Amino acid sequence: MRYSIGKMSELTKLSIHTLRYYEKEGLVSPKRDEGNRRYYDEKDYRWLQFIQRLKKVGMPIKEIKRYSDLRLEGDRTYADRLELLKSHLGVLDSNMDSLLKNREKLVEKIAFYEREIDRLKSIK
């Protein structure tokens, strides 16, 4: 199936500007029809979904570009791609640990205020 840039924008919730930026950066390479209009296919759609997933877990665009370049080099880069993803997973895990610790402190502070409010109410 062929998707225009507008339809791909609608499907992925990425702006047309972002799709053009990704093309300029070499992250995606839409084909061109006989009128030289770009179009995307299912493979492009799945790849854009993966790029969005990498962005959602905080991978910098520079690392996404590195992954994309390796992907274009073919199967011989599987080990390098695996290492890049494992490295980012380590960063993500570390960030999650930090978030959980900070969440715990926030929950403790909320509990403190709830106890103090209840205590002050009982004094009145």
PDB file of N, CA and C in Angstrom:
ATOM      1  N   MET A   1       0.838  -1.190   0.000  1.00  0.00           N
ATOM      2  CA  MET A   1       0.000   0.000   0.000  1.00  0.00           C
ATOM      3  C   MET A   1       0.874   1.242   0.000  1.00  0.00           C
ATOM      4  N   ARG A   2       0.446   2.253  -0.716  1.00  0.00           N
ATOM      5  CA  ARG A   2       1.166   3.524  -0.791  1.00  0.00           C
ATOM      6  C   ARG A   2       0.471   4.572   0.072  1.00  0.00           C
ATOM      7  N   TYR A   3       1.305   5.334   0.796  1.00  0.00           N
ATOM      8  CA  TYR A   3       0.780   6.409   1.634  1.00  0.00           C
ATOM      9  C   TYR A   3       1.430   7.725   1.221  1.00  0.00           C
ATOM     10  N   SER A   4       0.621   8.734   1.031  1.00  0.00           N
ATOM     11  CA  SER A   4       1.156  10.074   0.783  1.00  0.00           C
ATOM     12  C   SER A   4       1.785  10.577   2.080  1.00  0.00           C
ATOM     13  N   ILE A   5       2.513  11.666   1.980  1.00  0.00           N
ATOM     14  CA  ILE A   5       3.113  12.237   3.191  1.00  0.00           C
ATOM     15  C   ILE A   5       2.021  12.684   4.163  1.00  0.00           C
ATOM     16  N   GLY A   6       0.913  13.183   3.630  1.00  0.00           N
ATOM     17  CA  GLY A   6      -0.199  13.597   4.490  1.00  0.00           C
ATOM     18  C   GLY A   6      -0.815  12.424   5.224  1.00  0.00           C
ATOM     19  N   LYS A   7      -1.008  11.319   4.515  1.00  0.00           N
ATOM     20  CA  LYS A   7      -1.586  10.122   5.134  1.00  0.00           C
ATOM     21  C   LYS A   7      -0.611   9.536   6.160  1.00  0.00           C
ATOM     22  N   MET A   8       0.683   9.520   5.841  1.00  0.00           N
ATOM     23  CA  MET A   8       1.663   8.994   6.796  1.00  0.00           C
ATOM     24  C   MET A   8       1.707   9.876   8.039  1.00  0.00           C
ATOM     25  N   SER A   9       1.584  11.177   7.834  1.00  0.00           N
ATOM     26  CA  SER A   9       1.525  12.101   8.963  1.00  0.00           C
ATOM     27  C   SER A   9       0.324  11.769   9.849  1.00  0.00           C
ATOM     28  N   GLU A  10      -0.796  11.524   9.222  1.00  0.00           N
ATOM     29  CA  GLU A  10      -2.017  11.184   9.955  1.00  0.00           C
ATOM     30  C   GLU A  10      -1.865   9.852  10.702  1.00  0.00           C
ATOM     31  N   LEU A  11      -1.287   8.849  10.040  1.00  0.00           N
ATOM     32  CA  LEU A  11      -1.138   7.519  10.649  1.00  0.00           C
ATOM     33  C   LEU A  11      -0.177   7.529  11.838  1.00  0.00           C
ATOM     34  N   THR A  12       0.924   8.250  11.689  1.00  0.00           N
ATOM     35  CA  THR A  12       1.978   8.230  12.713  1.00  0.00           C
ATOM     36  C   THR A  12       1.832   9.335  13.747  1.00  0.00           C
ATOM     37  N   LYS A  13       0.967  10.312  13.452  1.00  0.00           N
ATOM     38  CA  LYS A  13       0.819  11.496  14.309  1.00  0.00           C
ATOM     39  C   LYS A  13       2.095  12.347  14.317  1.00  0.00           C
ATOM     40  N   LEU A  14       2.927  12.171  13.288  1.00  0.00           N
ATOM     41  CA  LEU A  14       4.107  13.004  13.102  1.00  0.00           C
ATOM     42  C   LEU A  14       3.733  14.104  12.109  1.00  0.00           C
ATOM     43  N   SER A  15       4.257  15.285  12.332  1.00  0.00           N
ATOM     44  CA  SER A  15       3.945  16.369  11.407  1.00  0.00           C
ATOM     45  C   SER A  15       4.630  16.119  10.060  1.00  0.00           C
ATOM     46  N   ILE A  16       4.098  16.754   9.034  1.00  0.00           N
ATOM     47  CA  ILE A  16       4.733  16.672   7.717  1.00  0.00           C
ATOM     48  C   ILE A  16       6.153  17.231   7.807  1.00  0.00           C
ATOM     49  N   HIS A  17       6.305  18.304   8.568  1.00  0.00           N
ATOM     50  CA  HIS A  17       7.639  18.891   8.772  1.00  0.00           C
ATOM     51  C   HIS A  17       8.602  17.850   9.357  1.00  0.00           C
ATOM     52  N   THR A  18       8.140  17.085  10.356  1.00  0.00           N
ATOM     53  CA  THR A  18       8.992  16.066  10.981  1.00  0.00           C
ATOM     54  C   THR A  18       9.339  14.970   9.983  1.00  0.00           C
ATOM     55  N   LEU A  19       8.373  14.541   9.201  1.00  0.00           N
ATOM     56  CA  LEU A  19       8.653  13.514   8.189  1.00  0.00           C
ATOM     57  C   LEU A  19       9.701  14.009   7.187  1.00  0.00           C
ATOM     58  N   ARG A  20       9.585  15.248   6.786  1.00  0.00           N
ATOM     59  CA  ARG A  20      10.580  15.808   5.861  1.00  0.00           C
ATOM     60  C   ARG A  20      11.948  15.933   6.536  1.00  0.00           C
ATOM     61  N   TYR A  21      11.950  16.301   7.813  1.00  0.00           N
ATOM     62  CA  TYR A  21      13.211  16.369   8.577  1.00  0.00           C
ATOM     63  C   TYR A  21      13.848  14.988   8.653  1.00  0.00           C
ATOM     64  N   TYR A  22      13.057  13.971   8.971  1.00  0.00           N
ATOM     65  CA  TYR A  22      13.585  12.605   9.031  1.00  0.00           C
ATOM     66  C   TYR A  22      14.166  12.188   7.687  1.00  0.00           C
ATOM     67  N   GLU A  23      13.511  12.596   6.613  1.00  0.00           N
ATOM     68  CA  GLU A  23      14.028  12.280   5.279  1.00  0.00           C
ATOM     69  C   GLU A  23      15.356  12.996   5.051  1.00  0.00           C
ATOM     70  N   LYS A  24      15.406  14.271   5.398  1.00  0.00           N
ATOM     71  CA  LYS A  24      16.637  15.065   5.234  1.00  0.00           C
ATOM     72  C   LYS A  24      17.791  14.459   6.029  1.00  0.00           C
ATOM     73  N   GLU A  25      17.487  13.946   7.227  1.00  0.00           N
ATOM     74  CA  GLU A  25      18.511  13.345   8.084  1.00  0.00           C
ATOM     75  C   GLU A  25      18.857  11.900   7.687  1.00  0.00           C
ATOM     76  N   GLY A  26      18.121  11.367   6.720  1.00  0.00           N
ATOM     77  CA  GLY A  26      18.404  10.009   6.263  1.00  0.00           C
ATOM     78  C   GLY A  26      17.786   8.925   7.118  1.00  0.00           C
ATOM     79  N   LEU A  27      16.843   9.292   7.985  1.00  0.00           N
ATOM     80  CA  LEU A  27      16.201   8.287   8.836  1.00  0.00           C
ATOM     81  C   LEU A  27      15.160   7.481   8.074  1.00  0.00           C
ATOM     82  N   VAL A  28      14.572   8.102   7.064  1.00  0.00           N
ATOM     83  CA  VAL A  28      13.569   7.427   6.243  1.00  0.00           C
ATOM     84  C   VAL A  28      13.791   7.869   4.797  1.00  0.00           C
ATOM     85  N   SER A  29      13.518   6.963   3.876  1.00  0.00           N
ATOM     86  CA  SER A  29      13.725   7.268   2.455  1.00  0.00           C
ATOM     87  C   SER A  29      12.477   6.919   1.657  1.00  0.00           C
ATOM     88  N   PRO A  30      11.505   7.831   1.653  1.00  0.00           N
ATOM     89  CA  PRO A  30      10.298   7.535   0.873  1.00  0.00           C
ATOM     90  C   PRO A  30      10.635   7.429  -0.611  1.00  0.00           C
ATOM     91  N   LYS A  31       9.822   6.661  -1.309  1.00  0.00           N
ATOM     92  CA  LYS A  31       9.999   6.530  -2.747  1.00  0.00           C
ATOM     93  C   LYS A  31       9.327   7.727  -3.417  1.00  0.00           C
ATOM     94  N   ARG A  32       9.491   7.841  -4.702  1.00  0.00           N
ATOM     95  CA  ARG A  32       8.874   8.909  -5.482  1.00  0.00           C
ATOM     96  C   ARG A  32       8.029   8.292  -6.597  1.00  0.00           C
ATOM     97  N   ASP A  33       6.861   8.882  -6.804  1.00  0.00           N
ATOM     98  CA  ASP A  33       6.004   8.396  -7.887  1.00  0.00           C
ATOM     99  C   ASP A  33       6.376   9.102  -9.192  1.00  0.00           C
ATOM    100  N   GLU A  34       5.626   8.815 -10.251  1.00  0.00           N
ATOM    101  CA  GLU A  34       5.921   9.387 -11.567  1.00  0.00           C
ATOM    102  C   GLU A  34       5.820  10.913 -11.577  1.00  0.00           C
ATOM    103  N   GLY A  35       5.079  11.481 -10.655  1.00  0.00           N
ATOM    104  CA  GLY A  35       4.980  12.936 -10.526  1.00  0.00           C
ATOM    105  C   GLY A  35       5.996  13.501  -9.545  1.00  0.00           C
ATOM    106  N   ASN A  36       6.932  12.689  -9.112  1.00  0.00           N
ATOM    107  CA  ASN A  36       7.992  13.038  -8.158  1.00  0.00           C
ATOM    108  C   ASN A  36       7.450  13.363  -6.763  1.00  0.00           C
ATOM    109  N   ARG A  37       6.242  12.887  -6.468  1.00  0.00           N
ATOM    110  CA  ARG A  37       5.695  13.056  -5.121  1.00  0.00           C
ATOM    111  C   ARG A  37       6.144  11.881  -4.266  1.00  0.00           C
ATOM    112  N   ARG A  38       6.558  12.196  -3.043  1.00  0.00           N
ATOM    113  CA  ARG A  38       7.025  11.123  -2.159  1.00  0.00           C
ATOM    114  C   ARG A  38       5.848  10.267  -1.719  1.00  0.00           C
ATOM    115  N   TYR A  39       6.134   8.992  -1.516  1.00  0.00           N
ATOM    116  CA  TYR A  39       5.145   8.099  -0.921  1.00  0.00           C
ATOM    117  C   TYR A  39       5.862   7.098  -0.027  1.00  0.00           C
ATOM    118  N   TYR A  40       5.120   6.602   0.927  1.00  0.00           N
ATOM    119  CA  TYR A  40       5.625   5.665   1.925  1.00  0.00           C
ATOM    120  C   TYR A  40       4.883   4.343   1.770  1.00  0.00           C
ATOM    121  N   ASP A  41       5.512   3.269   2.261  1.00  0.00           N
ATOM    122  CA  ASP A  41       4.848   1.966   2.239  1.00  0.00           C
ATOM    123  C   ASP A  41       4.770   1.406   3.661  1.00  0.00           C
ATOM    124  N   GLU A  42       4.289   0.186   3.786  1.00  0.00           N
ATOM    125  CA  GLU A  42       4.124  -0.447   5.107  1.00  0.00           C
ATOM    126  C   GLU A  42       5.454  -0.570   5.842  1.00  0.00           C
ATOM    127  N   LYS A  43       6.511  -0.868   5.123  1.00  0.00           N
ATOM    128  CA  LYS A  43       7.836  -0.975   5.745  1.00  0.00           C
ATOM    129  C   LYS A  43       8.250   0.360   6.361  1.00  0.00           C
ATOM    130  N   ASP A  44       8.007   1.443   5.622  1.00  0.00           N
ATOM    131  CA  ASP A  44       8.301   2.777   6.151  1.00  0.00           C
ATOM    132  C   ASP A  44       7.466   3.063   7.396  1.00  0.00           C
ATOM    133  N   TYR A  45       6.195   2.676   7.342  1.00  0.00           N
ATOM    134  CA  TYR A  45       5.295   2.894   8.478  1.00  0.00           C
ATOM    135  C   TYR A  45       5.804   2.179   9.720  1.00  0.00           C
ATOM    136  N   ARG A  46       6.186   0.914   9.579  1.00  0.00           N
ATOM    137  CA  ARG A  46       6.709   0.153  10.736  1.00  0.00           C
ATOM    138  C   ARG A  46       8.013   0.767  11.253  1.00  0.00           C
ATOM    139  N   TRP A  47       8.870   1.219  10.342  1.00  0.00           N
ATOM    140  CA  TRP A  47      10.134   1.843  10.737  1.00  0.00           C
ATOM    141  C   TRP A  47       9.866   3.150  11.488  1.00  0.00           C
ATOM    142  N   LEU A  48       8.935   3.949  11.011  1.00  0.00           N
ATOM    143  CA  LEU A  48       8.597   5.193  11.702  1.00  0.00           C
ATOM    144  C   LEU A  48       8.006   4.914  13.080  1.00  0.00           C
ATOM    145  N   GLN A  49       7.242   3.857  13.219  1.00  0.00           N
ATOM    146  CA  GLN A  49       6.726   3.474  14.535  1.00  0.00           C
ATOM    147  C   GLN A  49       7.879   3.118  15.473  1.00  0.00           C
ATOM    148  N   PHE A  50       8.885   2.425  14.953  1.00  0.00           N
ATOM    149  CA  PHE A  50      10.040   2.063  15.782  1.00  0.00           C
ATOM    150  C   PHE A  50      10.828   3.307  16.183  1.00  0.00           C
ATOM    151  N   ILE A  51      11.008   4.225  15.250  1.00  0.00           N
ATOM    152  CA  ILE A  51      11.688   5.490  15.569  1.00  0.00           C
ATOM    153  C   ILE A  51      10.936   6.201  16.694  1.00  0.00           C
ATOM    154  N   GLN A  52       9.619   6.243  16.605  1.00  0.00           N
ATOM    155  CA  GLN A  52       8.817   6.890  17.649  1.00  0.00           C
ATOM    156  C   GLN A  52       8.996   6.183  18.987  1.00  0.00           C
ATOM    157  N   ARG A  53       9.077   4.873  18.960  1.00  0.00           N
ATOM    158  CA  ARG A  53       9.273   4.115  20.207  1.00  0.00           C
ATOM    159  C   ARG A  53      10.629   4.464  20.814  1.00  0.00           C
ATOM    160  N   LEU A  54      11.662   4.543  19.979  1.00  0.00           N
ATOM    161  CA  LEU A  54      12.990   4.913  20.478  1.00  0.00           C
ATOM    162  C   LEU A  54      12.965   6.315  21.081  1.00  0.00           C
ATOM    163  N   LYS A  55      12.268   7.233  20.429  1.00  0.00           N
ATOM    164  CA  LYS A  55      12.162   8.591  20.972  1.00  0.00           C
ATOM    165  C   LYS A  55      11.415   8.592  22.296  1.00  0.00           C
ATOM    166  N   LYS A  56      10.353   7.789  22.401  1.00  0.00           N
ATOM    167  CA  LYS A  56       9.563   7.748  23.634  1.00  0.00           C
ATOM    168  C   LYS A  56      10.359   7.229  24.816  1.00  0.00           C
ATOM    169  N   VAL A  57      11.348   6.388  24.563  1.00  0.00           N
ATOM    170  CA  VAL A  57      12.179   5.903  25.670  1.00  0.00           C
ATOM    171  C   VAL A  57      13.436   6.754  25.825  1.00  0.00           C
ATOM    172  N   GLY A  58      13.433   7.912  25.173  1.00  0.00           N
ATOM    173  CA  GLY A  58      14.484   8.896  25.416  1.00  0.00           C
ATOM    174  C   GLY A  58      15.759   8.744  24.610  1.00  0.00           C
ATOM    175  N   MET A  59      15.746   7.931  23.567  1.00  0.00           N
ATOM    176  CA  MET A  59      16.967   7.815  22.768  1.00  0.00           C
ATOM    177  C   MET A  59      17.172   9.111  21.985  1.00  0.00           C
ATOM    178  N   PRO A  60      18.353   9.703  22.090  1.00  0.00           N
ATOM    179  CA  PRO A  60      18.627  10.943  21.352  1.00  0.00           C
ATOM    180  C   PRO A  60      18.596  10.697  19.838  1.00  0.00           C
ATOM    181  N   ILE A  61      18.236  11.722  19.097  1.00  0.00           N
ATOM    182  CA  ILE A  61      18.133  11.601  17.641  1.00  0.00           C
ATOM    183  C   ILE A  61      19.469  11.175  17.032  1.00  0.00           C
ATOM    184  N   LYS A  62      20.570  11.588  17.652  1.00  0.00           N
ATOM    185  CA  LYS A  62      21.902  11.207  17.153  1.00  0.00           C
ATOM    186  C   LYS A  62      22.081   9.680  17.210  1.00  0.00           C
ATOM    187  N   GLU A  63      21.616   9.058  18.285  1.00  0.00           N
ATOM    188  CA  GLU A  63      21.718   7.603  18.406  1.00  0.00           C
ATOM    189  C   GLU A  63      20.729   6.907  17.475  1.00  0.00           C
ATOM    190  N   ILE A  64      19.558   7.497  17.304  1.00  0.00           N
ATOM    191  CA  ILE A  64      18.587   6.935  16.358  1.00  0.00           C
ATOM    192  C   ILE A  64      19.179   6.974  14.952  1.00  0.00           C
ATOM    193  N   LYS A  65      19.850   8.058  14.634  1.00  0.00           N
ATOM    194  CA  LYS A  65      20.513   8.188  13.325  1.00  0.00           C
ATOM    195  C   LYS A  65      21.592   7.124  13.180  1.00  0.00           C
ATOM    196  N   ARG A  66      22.361   6.907  14.217  1.00  0.00           N
ATOM    197  CA  ARG A  66      23.405   5.866  14.183  1.00  0.00           C
ATOM    198  C   ARG A  66      22.770   4.499  13.936  1.00  0.00           C
ATOM    199  N   TYR A  67      21.693   4.202  14.654  1.00  0.00           N
ATOM    200  CA  TYR A  67      20.978   2.942  14.471  1.00  0.00           C
ATOM    201  C   TYR A  67      20.466   2.838  13.037  1.00  0.00           C
ATOM    202  N   SER A  68      19.894   3.917  12.528  1.00  0.00           N
ATOM    203  CA  SER A  68      19.365   3.942  11.170  1.00  0.00           C
ATOM    204  C   SER A  68      20.465   3.681  10.142  1.00  0.00           C
ATOM    205  N   ASP A  69      21.609   4.323  10.334  1.00  0.00           N
ATOM    206  CA  ASP A  69      22.739   4.111   9.414  1.00  0.00           C
ATOM    207  C   ASP A  69      23.183   2.653   9.434  1.00  0.00           C
ATOM    208  N   LEU A  70      23.263   2.081  10.637  1.00  0.00           N
ATOM    209  CA  LEU A  70      23.642   0.665  10.743  1.00  0.00           C
ATOM    210  C   LEU A  70      22.612  -0.219  10.040  1.00  0.00           C
ATOM    211  N   ARG A  71      21.356   0.104  10.217  1.00  0.00           N
ATOM    212  CA  ARG A  71      20.271  -0.654   9.589  1.00  0.00           C
ATOM    213  C   ARG A  71      20.420  -0.664   8.071  1.00  0.00           C
ATOM    214  N   LEU A  72      20.796   0.478   7.510  1.00  0.00           N
ATOM    215  CA  LEU A  72      20.971   0.576   6.060  1.00  0.00           C
ATOM    216  C   LEU A  72      22.159  -0.246   5.556  1.00  0.00           C
ATOM    217  N   GLU A  73      23.111  -0.511   6.444  1.00  0.00           N
ATOM    218  CA  GLU A  73      24.274  -1.314   6.057  1.00  0.00           C
ATOM    219  C   GLU A  73      23.956  -2.804   5.978  1.00  0.00           C
ATOM    220  N   GLY A  74      22.823  -3.202   6.521  1.00  0.00           N
ATOM    221  CA  GLY A  74      22.406  -4.591   6.363  1.00  0.00           C
ATOM    222  C   GLY A  74      22.638  -5.472   7.578  1.00  0.00           C
ATOM    223  N   ASP A  75      22.408  -6.764   7.354  1.00  0.00           N
ATOM    224  CA  ASP A  75      22.440  -7.758   8.421  1.00  0.00           C
ATOM    225  C   ASP A  75      23.779  -7.851   9.144  1.00  0.00           C
ATOM    226  N   ARG A  76      24.841  -7.506   8.496  1.00  0.00           N
ATOM    227  CA  ARG A  76      26.165  -7.635   9.131  1.00  0.00           C
ATOM    228  C   ARG A  76      26.332  -6.691  10.316  1.00  0.00           C
ATOM    229  N   THR A  77      25.391  -5.763  10.494  1.00  0.00           N
ATOM    230  CA  THR A  77      25.478  -4.804  11.597  1.00  0.00           C
ATOM    231  C   THR A  77      24.582  -5.180  12.780  1.00  0.00           C
ATOM    232  N   TYR A  78      24.036  -6.389  12.759  1.00  0.00           N
ATOM    233  CA  TYR A  78      23.159  -6.810  13.857  1.00  0.00           C
ATOM    234  C   TYR A  78      23.825  -6.644  15.218  1.00  0.00           C
ATOM    235  N   ALA A  79      25.072  -7.059  15.338  1.00  0.00           N
ATOM    236  CA  ALA A  79      25.769  -6.988  16.636  1.00  0.00           C
ATOM    237  C   ALA A  79      25.900  -5.534  17.098  1.00  0.00           C
ATOM    238  N   ASP A  80      26.230  -4.641  16.178  1.00  0.00           N
ATOM    239  CA  ASP A  80      26.355  -3.221  16.530  1.00  0.00           C
ATOM    240  C   ASP A  80      25.012  -2.630  16.934  1.00  0.00           C
ATOM    241  N   ARG A  81      23.958  -3.008  16.215  1.00  0.00           N
ATOM    242  CA  ARG A  81      22.620  -2.517  16.559  1.00  0.00           C
ATOM    243  C   ARG A  81      22.189  -3.045  17.914  1.00  0.00           C
ATOM    244  N   LEU A  82      22.476  -4.309  18.158  1.00  0.00           N
ATOM    245  CA  LEU A  82      22.149  -4.917  19.446  1.00  0.00           C
ATOM    246  C   LEU A  82      22.859  -4.171  20.572  1.00  0.00           C
ATOM    247  N   GLU A  83      24.127  -3.884  20.393  1.00  0.00           N
ATOM    248  CA  GLU A  83      24.905  -3.182  21.416  1.00  0.00           C
ATOM    249  C   GLU A  83      24.340  -1.785  21.663  1.00  0.00           C
ATOM    250  N   LEU A  84      23.964  -1.097  20.608  1.00  0.00           N
ATOM    251  CA  LEU A  84      23.392   0.235  20.756  1.00  0.00           C
ATOM    252  C   LEU A  84      22.097   0.177  21.555  1.00  0.00           C
ATOM    253  N   LEU A  85      21.238  -0.782  21.243  1.00  0.00           N
ATOM    254  CA  LEU A  85      19.973  -0.920  21.973  1.00  0.00           C
ATOM    255  C   LEU A  85      20.201  -1.335  23.423  1.00  0.00           C
ATOM    256  N   LYS A  86      21.137  -2.244  23.654  1.00  0.00           N
ATOM    257  CA  LYS A  86      21.453  -2.657  25.032  1.00  0.00           C
ATOM    258  C   LYS A  86      21.996  -1.488  25.836  1.00  0.00           C
ATOM    259  N   SER A  87      22.841  -0.695  25.216  1.00  0.00           N
ATOM    260  CA  SER A  87      23.403   0.471  25.889  1.00  0.00           C
ATOM    261  C   SER A  87      22.292   1.436  26.293  1.00  0.00           C
ATOM    262  N   HIS A  88      21.367   1.676  25.386  1.00  0.00           N
ATOM    263  CA  HIS A  88      20.272   2.589  25.724  1.00  0.00           C
ATOM    264  C   HIS A  88      19.353   1.983  26.774  1.00  0.00           C
ATOM    265  N   LEU A  89      19.170   0.678  26.737  1.00  0.00           N
ATOM    266  CA  LEU A  89      18.359   0.024  27.764  1.00  0.00           C
ATOM    267  C   LEU A  89      18.985   0.241  29.142  1.00  0.00           C
ATOM    268  N   GLY A  90      20.309   0.201  29.222  1.00  0.00           N
ATOM    269  CA  GLY A  90      20.996   0.478  30.483  1.00  0.00           C
ATOM    270  C   GLY A  90      20.723   1.889  30.972  1.00  0.00           C
ATOM    271  N   VAL A  91      20.751   2.850  30.060  1.00  0.00           N
ATOM    272  CA  VAL A  91      20.443   4.245  30.408  1.00  0.00           C
ATOM    273  C   VAL A  91      19.001   4.342  30.883  1.00  0.00           C
ATOM    274  N   LEU A  92      18.107   3.697  30.162  1.00  0.00           N
ATOM    275  CA  LEU A  92      16.685   3.715  30.517  1.00  0.00           C
ATOM    276  C   LEU A  92      16.453   3.097  31.890  1.00  0.00           C
ATOM    277  N   ASP A  93      17.084   1.959  32.156  1.00  0.00           N
ATOM    278  CA  ASP A  93      16.948   1.315  33.467  1.00  0.00           C
ATOM    279  C   ASP A  93      17.457   2.216  34.589  1.00  0.00           C
ATOM    280  N   SER A  94      18.578   2.874  34.349  1.00  0.00           N
ATOM    281  CA  SER A  94      19.137   3.792  35.347  1.00  0.00           C
ATOM    282  C   SER A  94      18.171   4.957  35.604  1.00  0.00           C
ATOM    283  N   ASN A  95      17.607   5.489  34.535  1.00  0.00           N
ATOM    284  CA  ASN A  95      16.639   6.580  34.683  1.00  0.00           C
ATOM    285  C   ASN A  95      15.406   6.121  35.447  1.00  0.00           C
ATOM    286  N   MET A  96      14.967   4.905  35.173  1.00  0.00           N
ATOM    287  CA  MET A  96      13.795   4.374  35.865  1.00  0.00           C
ATOM    288  C   MET A  96      14.074   4.197  37.349  1.00  0.00           C
ATOM    289  N   ASP A  97      15.276   3.708  37.687  1.00  0.00           N
ATOM    290  CA  ASP A  97      15.650   3.562  39.101  1.00  0.00           C
ATOM    291  C   ASP A  97      15.602   4.916  39.797  1.00  0.00           C
ATOM    292  N   SER A  98      16.153   5.921  39.133  1.00  0.00           N
ATOM    293  CA  SER A  98      16.162   7.260  39.700  1.00  0.00           C
ATOM    294  C   SER A  98      14.738   7.790  39.867  1.00  0.00           C
ATOM    295  N   LEU A  99      13.911   7.593  38.862  1.00  0.00           N
ATOM    296  CA  LEU A  99      12.516   8.028  38.951  1.00  0.00           C
ATOM    297  C   LEU A  99      11.785   7.329  40.092  1.00  0.00           C
ATOM    298  N   LEU A 100      12.004   6.034  40.243  1.00  0.00           N
ATOM    299  CA  LEU A 100      11.343   5.295  41.317  1.00  0.00           C
ATOM    300  C   LEU A 100      11.778   5.789  42.695  1.00  0.00           C
ATOM    301  N   LYS A 101      13.073   6.079  42.848  1.00  0.00           N
ATOM    302  CA  LYS A 101      13.558   6.601  44.128  1.00  0.00           C
ATOM    303  C   LYS A 101      12.949   7.968  44.414  1.00  0.00           C
ATOM    304  N   ASN A 102      12.898   8.814  43.399  1.00  0.00           N
ATOM    305  CA  ASN A 102      12.302  10.138  43.578  1.00  0.00           C
ATOM    306  C   ASN A 102      10.803  10.037  43.844  1.00  0.00           C
ATOM    307  N   ARG A 103      10.154   9.090  43.205  1.00  0.00           N
ATOM    308  CA  ARG A 103       8.728   8.868  43.452  1.00  0.00           C
ATOM    309  C   ARG A 103       8.500   8.459  44.902  1.00  0.00           C
ATOM    310  N   GLU A 104       9.355   7.574  45.387  1.00  0.00           N
ATOM    311  CA  GLU A 104       9.244   7.111  46.771  1.00  0.00           C
ATOM    312  C   GLU A 104       9.336   8.293  47.741  1.00  0.00           C
ATOM    313  N   LYS A 105      10.276   9.198  47.505  1.00  0.00           N
ATOM    314  CA  LYS A 105      10.429  10.374  48.368  1.00  0.00           C
ATOM    315  C   LYS A 105       9.203  11.289  48.279  1.00  0.00           C
ATOM    316  N   LEU A 106       8.646  11.414  47.101  1.00  0.00           N
ATOM    317  CA  LEU A 106       7.451  12.220  46.928  1.00  0.00           C
ATOM    318  C   LEU A 106       6.267  11.612  47.683  1.00  0.00           C
ATOM    319  N   VAL A 107       6.109  10.294  47.599  1.00  0.00           N
ATOM    320  CA  VAL A 107       5.040   9.606  48.332  1.00  0.00           C
ATOM    321  C   VAL A 107       5.221   9.805  49.835  1.00  0.00           C
ATOM    322  N   GLU A 108       6.459   9.731  50.308  1.00  0.00           N
ATOM    323  CA  GLU A 108       6.728   9.963  51.733  1.00  0.00           C
ATOM    324  C   GLU A 108       6.323  11.381  52.140  1.00  0.00           C
ATOM    325  N   LYS A 109       6.645  12.363  51.313  1.00  0.00           N
ATOM    326  CA  LYS A 109       6.314  13.757  51.636  1.00  0.00           C
ATOM    327  C   LYS A 109       4.796  13.957  51.623  1.00  0.00           C
ATOM    328  N   ILE A 110       4.101  13.354  50.677  1.00  0.00           N
ATOM    329  CA  ILE A 110       2.636  13.439  50.636  1.00  0.00           C
ATOM    330  C   ILE A 110       2.044  12.828  51.894  1.00  0.00           C
ATOM    331  N   ALA A 111       2.555  11.667  52.309  1.00  0.00           N
ATOM    332  CA  ALA A 111       2.063  11.007  53.520  1.00  0.00           C
ATOM    333  C   ALA A 111       2.303  11.891  54.739  1.00  0.00           C
ATOM    334  N   PHE A 112       3.466  12.544  54.793  1.00  0.00           N
ATOM    335  CA  PHE A 112       3.760  13.453  55.900  1.00  0.00           C
ATOM    336  C   PHE A 112       2.700  14.557  55.986  1.00  0.00           C
ATOM    337  N   TYR A 113       2.427  15.204  54.856  1.00  0.00           N
ATOM    338  CA  TYR A 113       1.443  16.285  54.862  1.00  0.00           C
ATOM    339  C   TYR A 113       0.047  15.783  55.210  1.00  0.00           C
ATOM    340  N   GLU A 114      -0.330  14.632  54.728  1.00  0.00           N
ATOM    341  CA  GLU A 114      -1.642  14.085  55.061  1.00  0.00           C
ATOM    342  C   GLU A 114      -1.753  13.821  56.568  1.00  0.00           C
ATOM    343  N   ARG A 115      -0.698  13.256  57.162  1.00  0.00           N
ATOM    344  CA  ARG A 115      -0.697  13.021  58.617  1.00  0.00           C
ATOM    345  C   ARG A 115      -0.775  14.341  59.383  1.00  0.00           C
ATOM    346  N   GLU A 116       0.000  15.315  58.959  1.00  0.00           N
ATOM    347  CA  GLU A 116       0.021  16.607  59.642  1.00  0.00           C
ATOM    348  C   GLU A 116      -1.329  17.317  59.526  1.00  0.00           C
ATOM    349  N   ILE A 117      -1.931  17.247  58.373  1.00  0.00           N
ATOM    350  CA  ILE A 117      -3.262  17.864  58.199  1.00  0.00           C
ATOM    351  C   ILE A 117      -4.269  17.181  59.117  1.00  0.00           C
ATOM    352  N   ASP A 118      -4.241  15.865  59.167  1.00  0.00           N
ATOM    353  CA  ASP A 118      -5.152  15.109  60.051  1.00  0.00           C
ATOM    354  C   ASP A 118      -4.882  15.472  61.505  1.00  0.00           C
ATOM    355  N   ARG A 119      -3.603  15.584  61.879  1.00  0.00           N
ATOM    356  CA  ARG A 119      -3.236  15.906  63.249  1.00  0.00           C
ATOM    357  C   ARG A 119      -3.765  17.292  63.619  1.00  0.00           C
ATOM    358  N   LEU A 120      -3.576  18.262  62.725  1.00  0.00           N
ATOM    359  CA  LEU A 120      -4.043  19.620  62.993  1.00  0.00           C
ATOM    360  C   LEU A 120      -5.552  19.696  63.080  1.00  0.00           C
ATOM    361  N   LYS A 121      -6.239  18.901  62.288  1.00  0.00           N
ATOM    362  CA  LYS A 121      -7.703  18.861  62.347  1.00  0.00           C
ATOM    363  C   LYS A 121      -8.174  18.310  63.697  1.00  0.00           C
ATOM    364  N   SER A 122      -7.443  17.323  64.185  1.00  0.00           N
ATOM    365  CA  SER A 122      -7.853  16.693  65.453  1.00  0.00           C
ATOM    366  C   SER A 122      -7.607  17.603  66.657  1.00  0.00           C
ATOM    367  N   ILE A 123      -6.724  18.556  66.548  1.00  0.00           N
ATOM    368  CA  ILE A 123      -6.428  19.514  67.625  1.00  0.00           C
ATOM    369  C   ILE A 123      -7.546  20.542  67.737  1.00  0.00           C
ATOM    370  N   LYS A 124      -8.160  20.895  66.679  1.00  0.00           N
ATOM    371  CA  LYS A 124      -9.187  21.956  66.661  1.00  0.00           C
ATOM    372  C   LYS A 124     -10.437  21.565  67.335  1.00  0.00           C
TER     373      LYS A 124
END
